[in-house]
């Protein structure tokens, strides 16, 4: 009986530590590269248990001190200096919006 309880506890603990394996196709167009991974995380954990707390922390700690024009300056600089990265971010945002209607 003790072994059964131990097995159940161990199996339960393993389930809570599951990390999905995702594959990023860097040869795909930048907007498409991360979409499947984002969808996988949202399907497994939901917005509230994945991206939500991260965005909330950044909004409270970092972005709350920025003026509206700072967002425009940052977005313009990223699009100009890191165009591929900018497209990847846009693809991630699109997937979150499509899947969860957030952001």
PDB file of N, CA and C in Angstrom:
ATOM      1  N   UNK A   1       0.821  -1.195   0.000  1.00  0.00           N
ATOM      2  CA  UNK A   1       0.000   0.000   0.000  1.00  0.00           C
ATOM      3  C   UNK A   1       0.868   1.264   0.000  1.00  0.00           C
ATOM      4  N   UNK A   2       1.955   1.232   0.773  1.00  0.00           N
ATOM      5  CA  UNK A   2       2.824   2.400   0.842  1.00  0.00           C
ATOM      6  C   UNK A   2       3.465   2.690  -0.511  1.00  0.00           C
ATOM      7  N   UNK A   3       3.790   1.637  -1.233  1.00  0.00           N
ATOM      8  CA  UNK A   3       4.399   1.822  -2.545  1.00  0.00           C
ATOM      9  C   UNK A   3       3.411   2.429  -3.535  1.00  0.00           C
ATOM     10  N   UNK A   4       2.145   2.065  -3.417  1.00  0.00           N
ATOM     11  CA  UNK A   4       1.132   2.634  -4.307  1.00  0.00           C
ATOM     12  C   UNK A   4       0.986   4.125  -4.051  1.00  0.00           C
ATOM     13  N   UNK A   5       0.962   4.510  -2.796  1.00  0.00           N
ATOM     14  CA  UNK A   5       0.850   5.933  -2.456  1.00  0.00           C
ATOM     15  C   UNK A   5       2.077   6.687  -2.968  1.00  0.00           C
ATOM     16  N   UNK A   6       3.243   6.112  -2.762  1.00  0.00           N
ATOM     17  CA  UNK A   6       4.472   6.729  -3.243  1.00  0.00           C
ATOM     18  C   UNK A   6       4.461   6.871  -4.764  1.00  0.00           C
ATOM     19  N   UNK A   7       3.986   5.848  -5.455  1.00  0.00           N
ATOM     20  CA  UNK A   7       3.901   5.884  -6.910  1.00  0.00           C
ATOM     21  C   UNK A   7       2.938   6.974  -7.379  1.00  0.00           C
ATOM     22  N   UNK A   8       1.796   7.084  -6.732  1.00  0.00           N
ATOM     23  CA  UNK A   8       0.819   8.119  -7.092  1.00  0.00           C
ATOM     24  C   UNK A   8       1.410   9.506  -6.853  1.00  0.00           C
ATOM     25  N   UNK A   9       2.069   9.707  -5.724  1.00  0.00           N
ATOM     26  CA  UNK A   9       2.684  11.002  -5.435  1.00  0.00           C
ATOM     27  C   UNK A   9       3.787  11.339  -6.435  1.00  0.00           C
ATOM     28  N   UNK A  10       4.585  10.364  -6.765  1.00  0.00           N
ATOM     29  CA  UNK A  10       5.657  10.578  -7.732  1.00  0.00           C
ATOM     30  C   UNK A  10       5.096  10.902  -9.116  1.00  0.00           C
ATOM     31  N   UNK A  11       4.082  10.170  -9.529  1.00  0.00           N
ATOM     32  CA  UNK A  11       3.454  10.427 -10.832  1.00  0.00           C
ATOM     33  C   UNK A  11       2.835  11.819 -10.864  1.00  0.00           C
ATOM     34  N   UNK A  12       2.194  12.219  -9.777  1.00  0.00           N
ATOM     35  CA  UNK A  12       1.586  13.550  -9.698  1.00  0.00           C
ATOM     36  C   UNK A  12       2.657  14.630  -9.777  1.00  0.00           C
ATOM     37  N   UNK A  13       3.737  14.450  -9.043  1.00  0.00           N
ATOM     38  CA  UNK A  13       4.831  15.426  -9.067  1.00  0.00           C
ATOM     39  C   UNK A  13       5.429  15.544 -10.465  1.00  0.00           C
ATOM     40  N   UNK A  14       5.573  14.444 -11.152  1.00  0.00           N
ATOM     41  CA  UNK A  14       6.124  14.467 -12.512  1.00  0.00           C
ATOM     42  C   UNK A  14       5.211  15.217 -13.470  1.00  0.00           C
ATOM     43  N   UNK A  15       3.918  15.086 -13.286  1.00  0.00           N
ATOM     44  CA  UNK A  15       2.959  15.772 -14.156  1.00  0.00           C
ATOM     45  C   UNK A  15       3.072  17.282 -14.011  1.00  0.00           C
ATOM     46  N   UNK A  16       3.326  17.751 -12.806  1.00  0.00           N
ATOM     47  CA  UNK A  16       3.424  19.184 -12.584  1.00  0.00           C
ATOM     48  C   UNK A  16       4.741  19.758 -13.092  1.00  0.00           C
ATOM     49  N   UNK A  17       5.689  18.935 -13.380  1.00  0.00           N
ATOM     50  CA  UNK A  17       6.980  19.398 -13.859  1.00  0.00           C
ATOM     51  C   UNK A  17       7.162  19.176 -15.356  1.00  0.00           C
ATOM     52  N   UNK A  18       6.106  18.858 -16.054  1.00  0.00           N
ATOM     53  CA  UNK A  18       6.201  18.580 -17.482  1.00  0.00           C
ATOM     54  C   UNK A  18       6.563  19.856 -18.238  1.00  0.00           C
ATOM     55  N   UNK A  19       7.589  19.769 -19.025  1.00  0.00           N
ATOM     56  CA  UNK A  19       7.971  20.867 -19.901  1.00  0.00           C
ATOM     57  C   UNK A  19       7.795  20.400 -21.338  1.00  0.00           C
ATOM     58  N   UNK A  20       6.994  21.115 -22.108  1.00  0.00           N
ATOM     59  CA  UNK A  20       6.783  20.684 -23.485  1.00  0.00           C
ATOM     60  C   UNK A  20       8.046  20.884 -24.317  1.00  0.00           C
ATOM     61  N   UNK A  21       8.195  20.064 -25.300  1.00  0.00           N
ATOM     62  CA  UNK A  21       9.300  20.210 -26.236  1.00  0.00           C
ATOM     63  C   UNK A  21       8.738  20.839 -27.497  1.00  0.00           C
ATOM     64  N   UNK A  22       9.321  21.939 -27.894  1.00  0.00           N
ATOM     65  CA  UNK A  22       8.866  22.633 -29.095  1.00  0.00           C
ATOM     66  C   UNK A  22      10.040  22.767 -30.049  1.00  0.00           C
ATOM     67  N   UNK A  23       9.706  22.888 -31.307  1.00  0.00           N
ATOM     68  CA  UNK A  23      10.729  23.035 -32.335  1.00  0.00           C
ATOM     69  C   UNK A  23      10.486  24.344 -33.062  1.00  0.00           C
ATOM     70  N   UNK A  24      11.518  25.160 -33.148  1.00  0.00           N
ATOM     71  CA  UNK A  24      11.431  26.446 -33.830  1.00  0.00           C
ATOM     72  C   UNK A  24      12.096  26.294 -35.195  1.00  0.00           C
ATOM     73  N   UNK A  25      11.327  26.529 -36.247  1.00  0.00           N
ATOM     74  CA  UNK A  25      11.853  26.427 -37.609  1.00  0.00           C
ATOM     75  C   UNK A  25      12.396  27.794 -38.027  1.00  0.00           C
ATOM     76  N   UNK A  26      13.697  27.976 -37.912  1.00  0.00           N
ATOM     77  CA  UNK A  26      14.303  29.265 -38.228  1.00  0.00           C
ATOM     78  C   UNK A  26      14.311  29.572 -39.720  1.00  0.00           C
ATOM     79  N   UNK A  27      13.979  28.591 -40.549  1.00  0.00           N
ATOM     80  CA  UNK A  27      13.884  28.854 -41.982  1.00  0.00           C
ATOM     81  C   UNK A  27      12.489  29.356 -42.368  1.00  0.00           C
ATOM     82  N   UNK A  28      11.553  29.298 -41.438  1.00  0.00           N
ATOM     83  CA  UNK A  28      10.199  29.808 -41.691  1.00  0.00           C
ATOM     84  C   UNK A  28      10.229  31.336 -41.693  1.00  0.00           C
ATOM     85  N   UNK A  29       9.209  31.966 -42.284  1.00  0.00           N
ATOM     86  CA  UNK A  29       9.135  33.425 -42.221  1.00  0.00           C
ATOM     87  C   UNK A  29       9.107  33.875 -40.754  1.00  0.00           C
ATOM     88  N   UNK A  30       9.739  35.001 -40.430  1.00  0.00           N
ATOM     89  CA  UNK A  30       9.839  35.432 -39.036  1.00  0.00           C
ATOM     90  C   UNK A  30       8.513  35.463 -38.277  1.00  0.00           C
ATOM     91  N   UNK A  31       7.445  35.906 -38.933  1.00  0.00           N
ATOM     92  CA  UNK A  31       6.144  35.988 -38.256  1.00  0.00           C
ATOM     93  C   UNK A  31       5.601  34.620 -37.866  1.00  0.00           C
ATOM     94  N   UNK A  32       6.040  33.579 -38.546  1.00  0.00           N
ATOM     95  CA  UNK A  32       5.505  32.235 -38.318  1.00  0.00           C
ATOM     96  C   UNK A  32       6.340  31.403 -37.348  1.00  0.00           C
ATOM     97  N   UNK A  33       7.563  31.787 -37.092  1.00  0.00           N
ATOM     98  CA  UNK A  33       8.521  30.951 -36.359  1.00  0.00           C
ATOM     99  C   UNK A  33       8.041  30.504 -34.980  1.00  0.00           C
ATOM    100  N   UNK A  34       7.469  31.394 -34.223  1.00  0.00           N
ATOM    101  CA  UNK A  34       7.148  31.109 -32.824  1.00  0.00           C
ATOM    102  C   UNK A  34       5.685  30.764 -32.598  1.00  0.00           C
ATOM    103  N   UNK A  35       4.852  30.874 -33.615  1.00  0.00           N
ATOM    104  CA  UNK A  35       3.409  30.712 -33.422  1.00  0.00           C
ATOM    105  C   UNK A  35       3.035  29.346 -32.860  1.00  0.00           C
ATOM    106  N   UNK A  36       3.595  28.283 -33.385  1.00  0.00           N
ATOM    107  CA  UNK A  36       3.254  26.946 -32.900  1.00  0.00           C
ATOM    108  C   UNK A  36       3.683  26.764 -31.445  1.00  0.00           C
ATOM    109  N   UNK A  37       4.828  27.307 -31.095  1.00  0.00           N
ATOM    110  CA  UNK A  37       5.304  27.205 -29.714  1.00  0.00           C
ATOM    111  C   UNK A  37       4.400  27.976 -28.759  1.00  0.00           C
ATOM    112  N   UNK A  38       4.018  29.171 -29.154  1.00  0.00           N
ATOM    113  CA  UNK A  38       3.111  29.977 -28.327  1.00  0.00           C
ATOM    114  C   UNK A  38       1.789  29.247 -28.154  1.00  0.00           C
ATOM    115  N   UNK A  39       1.266  28.707 -29.242  1.00  0.00           N
ATOM    116  CA  UNK A  39       0.001  27.969 -29.191  1.00  0.00           C
ATOM    117  C   UNK A  39       0.117  26.759 -28.267  1.00  0.00           C
ATOM    118  N   UNK A  40       1.235  26.047 -28.333  1.00  0.00           N
ATOM    119  CA  UNK A  40       1.455  24.883 -27.473  1.00  0.00           C
ATOM    120  C   UNK A  40       1.414  25.284 -26.003  1.00  0.00           C
ATOM    121  N   UNK A  41       2.116  26.347 -25.648  1.00  0.00           N
ATOM    122  CA  UNK A  41       2.150  26.811 -24.255  1.00  0.00           C
ATOM    123  C   UNK A  41       0.763  27.248 -23.805  1.00  0.00           C
ATOM    124  N   UNK A  42       0.057  27.993 -24.644  1.00  0.00           N
ATOM    125  CA  UNK A  42      -1.289  28.442 -24.272  1.00  0.00           C
ATOM    126  C   UNK A  42      -2.249  27.270 -24.130  1.00  0.00           C
ATOM    127  N   UNK A  43      -2.144  26.288 -25.005  1.00  0.00           N
ATOM    128  CA  UNK A  43      -3.015  25.113 -24.910  1.00  0.00           C
ATOM    129  C   UNK A  43      -2.745  24.315 -23.642  1.00  0.00           C
ATOM    130  N   UNK A  44      -1.476  24.197 -23.273  1.00  0.00           N
ATOM    131  CA  UNK A  44      -1.121  23.404 -22.093  1.00  0.00           C
ATOM    132  C   UNK A  44      -1.390  24.130 -20.782  1.00  0.00           C
ATOM    133  N   UNK A  45      -1.045  25.413 -20.720  1.00  0.00           N
ATOM    134  CA  UNK A  45      -1.068  26.120 -19.443  1.00  0.00           C
ATOM    135  C   UNK A  45      -2.058  27.275 -19.382  1.00  0.00           C
ATOM    136  N   UNK A  46      -2.553  27.729 -20.517  1.00  0.00           N
ATOM    137  CA  UNK A  46      -3.432  28.885 -20.530  1.00  0.00           C
ATOM    138  C   UNK A  46      -2.637  30.174 -20.379  1.00  0.00           C
ATOM    139  N   UNK A  47      -3.270  31.266 -20.691  1.00  0.00           N
ATOM    140  CA  UNK A  47      -2.613  32.577 -20.621  1.00  0.00           C
ATOM    141  C   UNK A  47      -2.254  32.943 -19.183  1.00  0.00           C
ATOM    142  N   UNK A  48      -3.170  32.674 -18.252  1.00  0.00           N
ATOM    143  CA  UNK A  48      -2.992  33.065 -16.861  1.00  0.00           C
ATOM    144  C   UNK A  48      -1.838  32.335 -16.181  1.00  0.00           C
ATOM    145  N   UNK A  49      -1.444  31.193 -16.693  1.00  0.00           N
ATOM    146  CA  UNK A  49      -0.362  30.415 -16.094  1.00  0.00           C
ATOM    147  C   UNK A  49       0.894  30.386 -16.961  1.00  0.00           C
ATOM    148  N   UNK A  50       0.982  31.290 -17.910  1.00  0.00           N
ATOM    149  CA  UNK A  50       2.171  31.309 -18.765  1.00  0.00           C
ATOM    150  C   UNK A  50       2.582  32.749 -19.066  1.00  0.00           C
ATOM    151  N   UNK A  51       2.030  33.311 -20.118  1.00  0.00           N
ATOM    152  CA  UNK A  51       2.425  34.644 -20.538  1.00  0.00           C
ATOM    153  C   UNK A  51       1.848  35.745 -19.655  1.00  0.00           C
ATOM    154  N   UNK A  52       0.675  35.534 -19.123  1.00  0.00           N
ATOM    155  CA  UNK A  52      -0.005  36.553 -18.326  1.00  0.00           C
ATOM    156  C   UNK A  52       0.832  37.125 -17.197  1.00  0.00           C
ATOM    157  N   UNK A  53       1.366  36.287 -16.304  1.00  0.00           N
ATOM    158  CA  UNK A  53       2.176  36.825 -15.203  1.00  0.00           C
ATOM    159  C   UNK A  53       3.433  37.565 -15.676  1.00  0.00           C
ATOM    160  N   UNK A  54       4.015  37.114 -16.770  1.00  0.00           N
ATOM    161  CA  UNK A  54       5.215  37.780 -17.295  1.00  0.00           C
ATOM    162  C   UNK A  54       4.861  39.178 -17.785  1.00  0.00           C
ATOM    163  N   UNK A  55       3.789  39.280 -18.583  1.00  0.00           N
ATOM    164  CA  UNK A  55       3.374  40.592 -19.076  1.00  0.00           C
ATOM    165  C   UNK A  55       2.940  41.496 -17.928  1.00  0.00           C
ATOM    166  N   UNK A  56       2.240  40.946 -16.958  1.00  0.00           N
ATOM    167  CA  UNK A  56       1.798  41.731 -15.809  1.00  0.00           C
ATOM    168  C   UNK A  56       2.995  42.303 -15.049  1.00  0.00           C
ATOM    169  N   UNK A  57       4.005  41.482 -14.821  1.00  0.00           N
ATOM    170  CA  UNK A  57       5.201  41.948 -14.110  1.00  0.00           C
ATOM    171  C   UNK A  57       5.907  43.057 -14.889  1.00  0.00           C
ATOM    172  N   UNK A  58       6.036  42.876 -16.210  1.00  0.00           N
ATOM    173  CA  UNK A  58       6.684  43.916 -17.019  1.00  0.00           C
ATOM    174  C   UNK A  58       5.853  45.192 -17.033  1.00  0.00           C
ATOM    175  N   UNK A  59       4.544  45.061 -17.111  1.00  0.00           N
ATOM    176  CA  UNK A  59       3.687  46.244 -17.103  1.00  0.00           C
ATOM    177  C   UNK A  59       3.812  47.009 -15.794  1.00  0.00           C
ATOM    178  N   UNK A  60       3.852  46.288 -14.674  1.00  0.00           N
ATOM    179  CA  UNK A  60       3.917  46.934 -13.362  1.00  0.00           C
ATOM    180  C   UNK A  60       5.299  47.503 -13.060  1.00  0.00           C
ATOM    181  N   UNK A  61       6.344  46.785 -13.424  1.00  0.00           N
ATOM    182  CA  UNK A  61       7.695  47.172 -13.022  1.00  0.00           C
ATOM    183  C   UNK A  61       8.438  48.018 -14.060  1.00  0.00           C
ATOM    184  N   UNK A  62       8.189  47.775 -15.317  1.00  0.00           N
ATOM    185  CA  UNK A  62       8.966  48.447 -16.354  1.00  0.00           C
ATOM    186  C   UNK A  62       8.132  49.452 -17.131  1.00  0.00           C
ATOM    187  N   UNK A  63       7.072  48.979 -17.725  1.00  0.00           N
ATOM    188  CA  UNK A  63       6.324  49.818 -18.650  1.00  0.00           C
ATOM    189  C   UNK A  63       5.460  50.867 -17.966  1.00  0.00           C
ATOM    190  N   UNK A  64       5.193  50.727 -16.686  1.00  0.00           N
ATOM    191  CA  UNK A  64       4.367  51.712 -15.984  1.00  0.00           C
ATOM    192  C   UNK A  64       5.079  53.058 -15.866  1.00  0.00           C
ATOM    193  N   UNK A  65       6.401  53.063 -15.986  1.00  0.00           N
ATOM    194  CA  UNK A  65       7.142  54.324 -15.845  1.00  0.00           C
ATOM    195  C   UNK A  65       7.376  55.018 -17.188  1.00  0.00           C
ATOM    196  N   UNK A  66       6.963  54.397 -18.266  1.00  0.00           N
ATOM    197  CA  UNK A  66       7.176  54.970 -19.594  1.00  0.00           C
ATOM    198  C   UNK A  66       6.019  55.871 -20.000  1.00  0.00           C
ATOM    199  N   UNK A  67       6.349  56.914 -20.723  1.00  0.00           N
ATOM    200  CA  UNK A  67       5.338  57.788 -21.307  1.00  0.00           C
ATOM    201  C   UNK A  67       4.877  57.177 -22.627  1.00  0.00           C
ATOM    202  N   UNK A  68       3.679  57.537 -23.096  1.00  0.00           N
ATOM    203  CA  UNK A  68       3.175  56.967 -24.358  1.00  0.00           C
ATOM    204  C   UNK A  68       4.137  57.140 -25.536  1.00  0.00           C
ATOM    205  N   UNK A  69       4.813  58.275 -25.608  1.00  0.00           N
ATOM    206  CA  UNK A  69       5.738  58.483 -26.726  1.00  0.00           C
ATOM    207  C   UNK A  69       6.963  57.569 -26.636  1.00  0.00           C
ATOM    208  N   UNK A  70       7.273  57.091 -25.429  1.00  0.00           N
ATOM    209  CA  UNK A  70       8.385  56.146 -25.279  1.00  0.00           C
ATOM    210  C   UNK A  70       8.099  54.834 -26.007  1.00  0.00           C
ATOM    211  N   UNK A  71       6.849  54.408 -25.990  1.00  0.00           N
ATOM    212  CA  UNK A  71       6.476  53.176 -26.693  1.00  0.00           C
ATOM    213  C   UNK A  71       6.717  53.322 -28.194  1.00  0.00           C
ATOM    214  N   UNK A  72       6.366  54.479 -28.727  1.00  0.00           N
ATOM    215  CA  UNK A  72       6.558  54.736 -30.153  1.00  0.00           C
ATOM    216  C   UNK A  72       8.050  54.742 -30.481  1.00  0.00           C
ATOM    217  N   UNK A  73       8.843  55.387 -29.630  1.00  0.00           N
ATOM    218  CA  UNK A  73      10.291  55.436 -29.842  1.00  0.00           C
ATOM    219  C   UNK A  73      10.895  54.036 -29.821  1.00  0.00           C
ATOM    220  N   UNK A  74      10.511  53.233 -28.836  1.00  0.00           N
ATOM    221  CA  UNK A  74      11.034  51.870 -28.727  1.00  0.00           C
ATOM    222  C   UNK A  74      10.625  51.018 -29.920  1.00  0.00           C
ATOM    223  N   UNK A  75       9.347  51.074 -30.289  1.00  0.00           N
ATOM    224  CA  UNK A  75       8.859  50.267 -31.410  1.00  0.00           C
ATOM    225  C   UNK A  75       9.552  50.661 -32.709  1.00  0.00           C
ATOM    226  N   UNK A  76       9.722  51.957 -32.921  1.00  0.00           N
ATOM    227  CA  UNK A  76      10.397  52.434 -34.129  1.00  0.00           C
ATOM    228  C   UNK A  76      11.849  51.961 -34.163  1.00  0.00           C
ATOM    229  N   UNK A  77      12.529  52.049 -33.030  1.00  0.00           N
ATOM    230  CA  UNK A  77      13.935  51.623 -32.969  1.00  0.00           C
ATOM    231  C   UNK A  77      14.073  50.123 -33.218  1.00  0.00           C
ATOM    232  N   UNK A  78      13.180  49.332 -32.645  1.00  0.00           N
ATOM    233  CA  UNK A  78      13.245  47.880 -32.851  1.00  0.00           C
ATOM    234  C   UNK A  78      12.963  47.533 -34.306  1.00  0.00           C
ATOM    235  N   UNK A  79      11.935  48.167 -34.889  1.00  0.00           N
ATOM    236  CA  UNK A  79      11.609  47.878 -36.296  1.00  0.00           C
ATOM    237  C   UNK A  79      12.748  48.278 -37.235  1.00  0.00           C
ATOM    238  N   UNK A  80      13.410  49.398 -36.918  1.00  0.00           N
ATOM    239  CA  UNK A  80      14.494  49.887 -37.776  1.00  0.00           C
ATOM    240  C   UNK A  80      15.767  49.058 -37.610  1.00  0.00           C
ATOM    241  N   UNK A  81      16.167  48.794 -36.383  1.00  0.00           N
ATOM    242  CA  UNK A  81      17.455  48.156 -36.115  1.00  0.00           C
ATOM    243  C   UNK A  81      17.404  46.633 -36.058  1.00  0.00           C
ATOM    244  N   UNK A  82      16.244  46.097 -35.770  1.00  0.00           N
ATOM    245  CA  UNK A  82      16.092  44.641 -35.651  1.00  0.00           C
ATOM    246  C   UNK A  82      14.818  44.195 -36.365  1.00  0.00           C
ATOM    247  N   UNK A  83      14.749  44.368 -37.689  1.00  0.00           N
ATOM    248  CA  UNK A  83      13.498  44.100 -38.408  1.00  0.00           C
ATOM    249  C   UNK A  83      13.029  42.648 -38.301  1.00  0.00           C
ATOM    250  N   UNK A  84      13.943  41.705 -38.329  1.00  0.00           N
ATOM    251  CA  UNK A  84      13.539  40.298 -38.239  1.00  0.00           C
ATOM    252  C   UNK A  84      12.985  39.986 -36.846  1.00  0.00           C
ATOM    253  N   UNK A  85      13.645  40.477 -35.832  1.00  0.00           N
ATOM    254  CA  UNK A  85      13.188  40.308 -34.452  1.00  0.00           C
ATOM    255  C   UNK A  85      11.812  40.950 -34.270  1.00  0.00           C
ATOM    256  N   UNK A  86      11.631  42.122 -34.863  1.00  0.00           N
ATOM    257  CA  UNK A  86      10.351  42.820 -34.783  1.00  0.00           C
ATOM    258  C   UNK A  86       9.223  41.979 -35.379  1.00  0.00           C
ATOM    259  N   UNK A  87       9.486  41.351 -36.519  1.00  0.00           N
ATOM    260  CA  UNK A  87       8.475  40.496 -37.144  1.00  0.00           C
ATOM    261  C   UNK A  87       8.177  39.267 -36.288  1.00  0.00           C
ATOM    262  N   UNK A  88       9.199  38.720 -35.630  1.00  0.00           N
ATOM    263  CA  UNK A  88       8.969  37.583 -34.732  1.00  0.00           C
ATOM    264  C   UNK A  88       8.054  37.987 -33.579  1.00  0.00           C
ATOM    265  N   UNK A  89       8.316  39.158 -32.998  1.00  0.00           N
ATOM    266  CA  UNK A  89       7.478  39.650 -31.897  1.00  0.00           C
ATOM    267  C   UNK A  89       6.046  39.850 -32.374  1.00  0.00           C
ATOM    268  N   UNK A  90       5.883  40.431 -33.559  1.00  0.00           N
ATOM    269  CA  UNK A  90       4.538  40.642 -34.095  1.00  0.00           C
ATOM    270  C   UNK A  90       3.806  39.315 -34.277  1.00  0.00           C
ATOM    271  N   UNK A  91       4.512  38.288 -34.729  1.00  0.00           N
ATOM    272  CA  UNK A  91       3.900  36.970 -34.878  1.00  0.00           C
ATOM    273  C   UNK A  91       3.464  36.385 -33.546  1.00  0.00           C
ATOM    274  N   UNK A  92       4.281  36.564 -32.515  1.00  0.00           N
ATOM    275  CA  UNK A  92       3.928  36.081 -31.175  1.00  0.00           C
ATOM    276  C   UNK A  92       2.685  36.795 -30.671  1.00  0.00           C
ATOM    277  N   UNK A  93       2.657  38.113 -30.830  1.00  0.00           N
ATOM    278  CA  UNK A  93       1.494  38.894 -30.391  1.00  0.00           C
ATOM    279  C   UNK A  93       0.243  38.467 -31.151  1.00  0.00           C
ATOM    280  N   UNK A  94       0.368  38.278 -32.454  1.00  0.00           N
ATOM    281  CA  UNK A  94      -0.779  37.830 -33.259  1.00  0.00           C
ATOM    282  C   UNK A  94      -1.332  36.506 -32.737  1.00  0.00           C
ATOM    283  N   UNK A  95      -0.446  35.577 -32.415  1.00  0.00           N
ATOM    284  CA  UNK A  95      -0.887  34.262 -31.943  1.00  0.00           C
ATOM    285  C   UNK A  95      -1.585  34.368 -30.596  1.00  0.00           C
ATOM    286  N   UNK A  96      -1.051  35.172 -29.707  1.00  0.00           N
ATOM    287  CA  UNK A  96      -1.698  35.350 -28.399  1.00  0.00           C
ATOM    288  C   UNK A  96      -3.057  36.006 -28.587  1.00  0.00           C
ATOM    289  N   UNK A  97      -3.135  37.029 -29.425  1.00  0.00           N
ATOM    290  CA  UNK A  97      -4.417  37.689 -29.677  1.00  0.00           C
ATOM    291  C   UNK A  97      -5.425  36.732 -30.296  1.00  0.00           C
ATOM    292  N   UNK A  98      -4.989  35.967 -31.265  1.00  0.00           N
ATOM    293  CA  UNK A  98      -5.887  35.033 -31.942  1.00  0.00           C
ATOM    294  C   UNK A  98      -6.367  33.945 -30.990  1.00  0.00           C
ATOM    295  N   UNK A  99      -5.463  33.432 -30.183  1.00  0.00           N
ATOM    296  CA  UNK A  99      -5.789  32.310 -29.317  1.00  0.00           C
ATOM    297  C   UNK A  99      -6.544  32.737 -28.075  1.00  0.00           C
ATOM    298  N   UNK A 100      -6.176  33.851 -27.489  1.00  0.00           N
ATOM    299  CA  UNK A 100      -6.726  34.231 -26.188  1.00  0.00           C
ATOM    300  C   UNK A 100      -7.437  35.574 -26.159  1.00  0.00           C
ATOM    301  N   UNK A 101      -7.374  36.346 -27.196  1.00  0.00           N
ATOM    302  CA  UNK A 101      -7.980  37.674 -27.235  1.00  0.00           C
ATOM    303  C   UNK A 101      -7.453  38.581 -26.126  1.00  0.00           C
ATOM    304  N   UNK A 102      -6.159  38.499 -25.874  1.00  0.00           N
ATOM    305  CA  UNK A 102      -5.500  39.399 -24.937  1.00  0.00           C
ATOM    306  C   UNK A 102      -4.581  40.321 -25.713  1.00  0.00           C
ATOM    307  N   UNK A 103      -3.957  41.227 -25.030  1.00  0.00           N
ATOM    308  CA  UNK A 103      -3.003  42.206 -25.573  1.00  0.00           C
ATOM    309  C   UNK A 103      -3.671  43.077 -26.600  1.00  0.00           C
TER     310      UNK A 103
END
